[in-house]
Amino acid sequence: MRNNLLNELQELLASTPILLRNRVCEECDWSLSSYYRKSKPFNDLKDGPALHLEISNAEKELIKRMAKE
């Protein structure tokens, strides 16, 4: 039986954001809640210094490397 290349490619691409999210959480030692809070655009967050969650330069570099893999 032949594999359906298009279906396999679609499944791979659909699962990529989840795989990246899980790897980022593992490597950066973040919970899923932290991941989603840090992934929101700043203008979606309420004003105030306590809610301004930034990603460190080291975390940025780590995430870039993971995304390339």
C-alpha atoms as a PDB file:
ATOM      1  CA  MET A   1       0.000   0.000   0.000  1.00  0.00           C
ATOM      2  CA  ARG A   2       1.379   3.399  -0.965  1.00  0.00           C
ATOM      3  CA  ASN A   3       1.782   6.258   1.454  1.00  0.00           C
ATOM      4  CA  ASN A   4      -0.164   9.409   0.767  1.00  0.00           C
ATOM      5  CA  LEU A   5       2.589  12.008   0.552  1.00  0.00           C
ATOM      6  CA  LEU A   6       0.230  14.972   0.690  1.00  0.00           C
ATOM      7  CA  ASN A   7      -1.519  13.628   3.788  1.00  0.00           C
ATOM      8  CA  GLU A   8       1.795  12.902   5.521  1.00  0.00           C
ATOM      9  CA  LEU A   9       3.086  16.389   4.742  1.00  0.00           C
ATOM     10  CA  GLN A  10      -0.128  17.994   5.992  1.00  0.00           C
ATOM     11  CA  GLU A  11       0.027  16.019   9.255  1.00  0.00           C
ATOM     12  CA  LEU A  12       3.660  17.010   9.767  1.00  0.00           C
ATOM     13  CA  LEU A  13       2.968  20.691   9.159  1.00  0.00           C
ATOM     14  CA  ALA A  14      -0.134  20.640  11.358  1.00  0.00           C
ATOM     15  CA  SER A  15       1.809  19.124  14.256  1.00  0.00           C
ATOM     16  CA  THR A  16       4.808  21.469  13.954  1.00  0.00           C
ATOM     17  CA  PRO A  17       3.456  24.290  16.180  1.00  0.00           C
ATOM     18  CA  ILE A  18       2.655  21.785  18.933  1.00  0.00           C
ATOM     19  CA  LEU A  19       6.078  20.166  18.686  1.00  0.00           C
ATOM     20  CA  LEU A  20       7.781  23.573  18.834  1.00  0.00           C
ATOM     21  CA  ARG A  21       5.622  24.660  21.791  1.00  0.00           C
ATOM     22  CA  ASN A  22       6.434  21.487  23.720  1.00  0.00           C
ATOM     23  CA  ARG A  23      10.148  21.774  23.010  1.00  0.00           C
ATOM     24  CA  VAL A  24      10.265  25.450  24.006  1.00  0.00           C
ATOM     25  CA  CYS A  25       8.461  24.648  27.267  1.00  0.00           C
ATOM     26  CA  GLU A  26      10.894  21.831  27.991  1.00  0.00           C
ATOM     27  CA  GLU A  27      14.097  23.676  27.077  1.00  0.00           C
ATOM     28  CA  CYS A  28      13.126  26.982  28.740  1.00  0.00           C
ATOM     29  CA  ASP A  29      11.505  25.261  31.731  1.00  0.00           C
ATOM     30  CA  TRP A  30       8.185  27.037  31.141  1.00  0.00           C
ATOM     31  CA  SER A  31       4.679  25.838  31.905  1.00  0.00           C
ATOM     32  CA  LEU A  32       2.095  25.939  29.109  1.00  0.00           C
ATOM     33  CA  SER A  33       0.547  28.964  30.827  1.00  0.00           C
ATOM     34  CA  SER A  34       3.893  30.779  30.760  1.00  0.00           C
ATOM     35  CA  TYR A  35       4.384  29.874  27.101  1.00  0.00           C
ATOM     36  CA  TYR A  36       1.030  31.328  26.099  1.00  0.00           C
ATOM     37  CA  ARG A  37       1.475  34.460  28.245  1.00  0.00           C
ATOM     38  CA  LYS A  38       4.905  35.092  26.719  1.00  0.00           C
ATOM     39  CA  SER A  39       3.663  34.407  23.192  1.00  0.00           C
ATOM     40  CA  LYS A  40       0.966  37.101  23.313  1.00  0.00           C
ATOM     41  CA  PRO A  41       1.713  40.371  21.543  1.00  0.00           C
ATOM     42  CA  PHE A  42       2.434  43.162  24.010  1.00  0.00           C
ATOM     43  CA  ASN A  43      -0.571  45.193  22.870  1.00  0.00           C
ATOM     44  CA  ASP A  44      -2.869  42.291  23.925  1.00  0.00           C
ATOM     45  CA  LEU A  45      -1.658  42.524  27.504  1.00  0.00           C
ATOM     46  CA  LYS A  46      -3.063  44.936  30.057  1.00  0.00           C
ATOM     47  CA  ASP A  47      -0.949  47.942  30.927  1.00  0.00           C
ATOM     48  CA  GLY A  48       1.361  47.556  33.840  1.00  0.00           C
ATOM     49  CA  PRO A  49       4.919  46.422  34.483  1.00  0.00           C
ATOM     50  CA  ALA A  50       3.831  43.188  36.224  1.00  0.00           C
ATOM     51  CA  LEU A  51       2.170  41.908  33.048  1.00  0.00           C
ATOM     52  CA  HIS A  52       4.927  42.878  30.624  1.00  0.00           C
ATOM     53  CA  LEU A  53       6.551  39.469  30.122  1.00  0.00           C
ATOM     54  CA  GLU A  54       9.715  39.589  28.099  1.00  0.00           C
ATOM     55  CA  ILE A  55      11.788  36.790  26.688  1.00  0.00           C
ATOM     56  CA  SER A  56      15.463  37.032  27.576  1.00  0.00           C
ATOM     57  CA  ASN A  57      18.094  37.244  24.837  1.00  0.00           C
ATOM     58  CA  ALA A  58      19.320  33.757  25.753  1.00  0.00           C
ATOM     59  CA  GLU A  59      15.772  32.380  25.455  1.00  0.00           C
ATOM     60  CA  LYS A  60      15.348  34.140  22.100  1.00  0.00           C
ATOM     61  CA  GLU A  61      18.506  32.521  20.739  1.00  0.00           C
ATOM     62  CA  LEU A  62      17.475  29.107  22.044  1.00  0.00           C
ATOM     63  CA  ILE A  63      14.021  29.417  20.459  1.00  0.00           C
ATOM     64  CA  LYS A  64      15.532  30.500  17.121  1.00  0.00           C
ATOM     65  CA  ARG A  65      17.832  27.446  17.125  1.00  0.00           C
ATOM     66  CA  MET A  66      14.920  25.118  17.929  1.00  0.00           C
ATOM     67  CA  ALA A  67      12.790  26.627  15.160  1.00  0.00           C
ATOM     68  CA  LYS A  68      15.569  26.010  12.614  1.00  0.00           C
ATOM     69  CA  GLU A  69      15.852  22.343  13.593  1.00  0.00           C
END
